């Protein structure tokens, strides 16, 4: 029975890890888009984390734009635990340049 619980717990951790990767990617894409920004990226990442069945507890997304026009989206949380006393952290980070139109010079 213990082996079965550990296998299921690992599957829940893997699912939560994929969800954090997806949330970071979606937030990054929204924040880097031409009409995006930090608020748009944060909203999109939190939408992914807030969906039913995401498998991420206490998920937190942080979006920042660096002075060199790079967007960094970091998503952290922990996987749902079915094994008492076990908390498995999950996190993902996406970094990319802000997309903007530059006319001919």
Protein backbone atom coordinates (compact mmCIF):
# COMPACT_ATOMS: atom_id res chain seq x y z
CA UNK A 1 0.00 0.00 0.00
CA UNK A 2 2.86 2.37 0.81
CA UNK A 3 4.46 1.79 -2.60
CA UNK A 4 1.15 2.62 -4.30
CA UNK A 5 0.86 5.86 -2.31
CA UNK A 6 4.42 6.85 -3.25
CA UNK A 7 3.75 6.16 -6.95
CA UNK A 8 0.57 8.24 -6.87
CA UNK A 9 2.39 11.03 -5.00
CA UNK A 10 5.12 11.08 -7.65
CA UNK A 11 2.46 11.32 -10.38
CA UNK A 12 0.82 14.26 -8.58
CA UNK A 13 4.21 15.98 -8.28
CA UNK A 14 4.93 15.44 -12.00
CA UNK A 15 1.53 16.87 -12.93
CA UNK A 16 2.02 19.92 -10.69
CA UNK A 17 5.47 20.44 -12.22
CA UNK A 18 3.98 20.46 -15.73
CA UNK A 19 1.29 22.92 -14.65
CA UNK A 20 3.89 25.32 -13.24
CA UNK A 21 5.84 25.09 -16.52
CA UNK A 22 2.65 25.85 -18.46
CA UNK A 23 1.76 28.78 -16.19
CA UNK A 24 5.24 30.28 -16.60
CA UNK A 25 5.14 29.84 -20.38
CA UNK A 26 1.66 31.36 -20.73
CA UNK A 27 2.57 34.26 -18.43
CA UNK A 28 5.80 34.86 -20.33
CA UNK A 29 4.05 34.87 -23.69
CA UNK A 30 1.40 37.32 -22.44
CA UNK A 31 3.93 39.64 -20.77
CA UNK A 32 6.24 39.73 -23.80
CA UNK A 33 3.49 40.37 -26.37
CA UNK A 34 3.20 43.79 -28.00
CA UNK A 35 0.20 44.86 -25.90
CA UNK A 36 1.15 42.82 -22.82
CA UNK A 37 3.08 43.79 -19.74
CA UNK A 38 3.69 42.58 -16.22
CA UNK A 39 0.04 42.78 -15.19
CA UNK A 40 -1.14 40.82 -18.23
CA UNK A 41 1.51 38.14 -17.71
CA UNK A 42 0.67 37.81 -14.03
CA UNK A 43 -3.06 37.52 -14.76
CA UNK A 44 -2.51 34.79 -17.35
CA UNK A 45 -0.15 32.78 -15.12
CA UNK A 46 -2.56 32.99 -12.18
CA UNK A 47 -5.42 31.88 -14.43
CA UNK A 48 -3.54 28.68 -15.26
CA UNK A 49 -2.69 28.08 -11.59
CA UNK A 50 -6.29 28.71 -10.50
CA UNK A 51 -7.91 26.16 -12.79
CA UNK A 52 -9.57 23.18 -11.21
CA UNK A 53 -7.30 20.15 -11.22
CA UNK A 54 -4.09 22.13 -11.53
CA UNK A 55 -2.55 20.10 -8.72
CA UNK A 56 -0.60 23.09 -7.37
CA UNK A 57 -1.16 24.26 -3.82
CA UNK A 58 -0.30 27.78 -2.73
CA UNK A 59 0.85 28.67 -6.24
CA UNK A 60 2.53 32.05 -6.62
CA UNK A 61 3.49 33.82 -9.84
CA UNK A 62 5.94 36.73 -10.06
CA UNK A 63 6.50 38.74 -13.25
CA UNK A 64 9.28 41.28 -13.60
CA UNK A 65 10.72 43.31 -16.45
CA UNK A 66 14.45 44.00 -16.22
CA UNK A 67 16.07 47.24 -17.41
CA UNK A 68 17.38 45.48 -20.53
CA UNK A 69 13.78 44.65 -21.64
CA UNK A 70 13.81 41.03 -20.51
CA UNK A 71 10.67 39.53 -18.96
CA UNK A 72 11.15 36.99 -16.15
CA UNK A 73 8.17 34.92 -15.02
CA UNK A 74 8.67 32.69 -11.98
CA UNK A 75 5.97 30.33 -10.73
CA UNK A 76 6.35 28.44 -7.45
CA UNK A 77 4.12 26.24 -5.32
CA UNK A 78 3.87 22.73 -3.97
CA UNK A 79 2.25 19.57 -5.26
CA UNK A 80 -0.88 18.21 -3.64
CA UNK A 81 0.21 15.73 -0.99
CA UNK A 82 -1.49 12.44 -0.17
CA UNK A 83 1.40 11.19 1.96
CA UNK A 84 1.16 12.81 5.41
CA UNK A 85 4.01 15.18 6.22
CA UNK A 86 5.39 15.25 2.67
CA UNK A 87 5.53 18.55 0.79
CA UNK A 88 7.10 18.49 -2.67
CA UNK A 89 7.95 21.93 -4.09
CA UNK A 90 7.53 22.79 -7.76
CA UNK A 91 8.82 25.83 -9.63
CA UNK A 92 9.41 27.10 -13.15
CA UNK A 93 11.01 30.19 -14.68
CA UNK A 94 10.71 31.60 -18.20
CA UNK A 95 12.83 34.51 -19.49
CA UNK A 96 12.56 36.26 -22.83
CA UNK A 97 12.82 39.64 -24.55
CA UNK A 98 9.94 42.08 -24.74
CA UNK A 99 8.52 42.09 -28.25
CA UNK A 100 8.28 45.50 -29.82
CA UNK A 101 8.06 46.99 -33.26
CA UNK A 102 11.09 48.94 -34.39
CA UNK A 103 10.83 50.97 -37.56
CA UNK A 104 13.54 51.04 -40.18
CA UNK A 105 16.50 53.11 -39.17
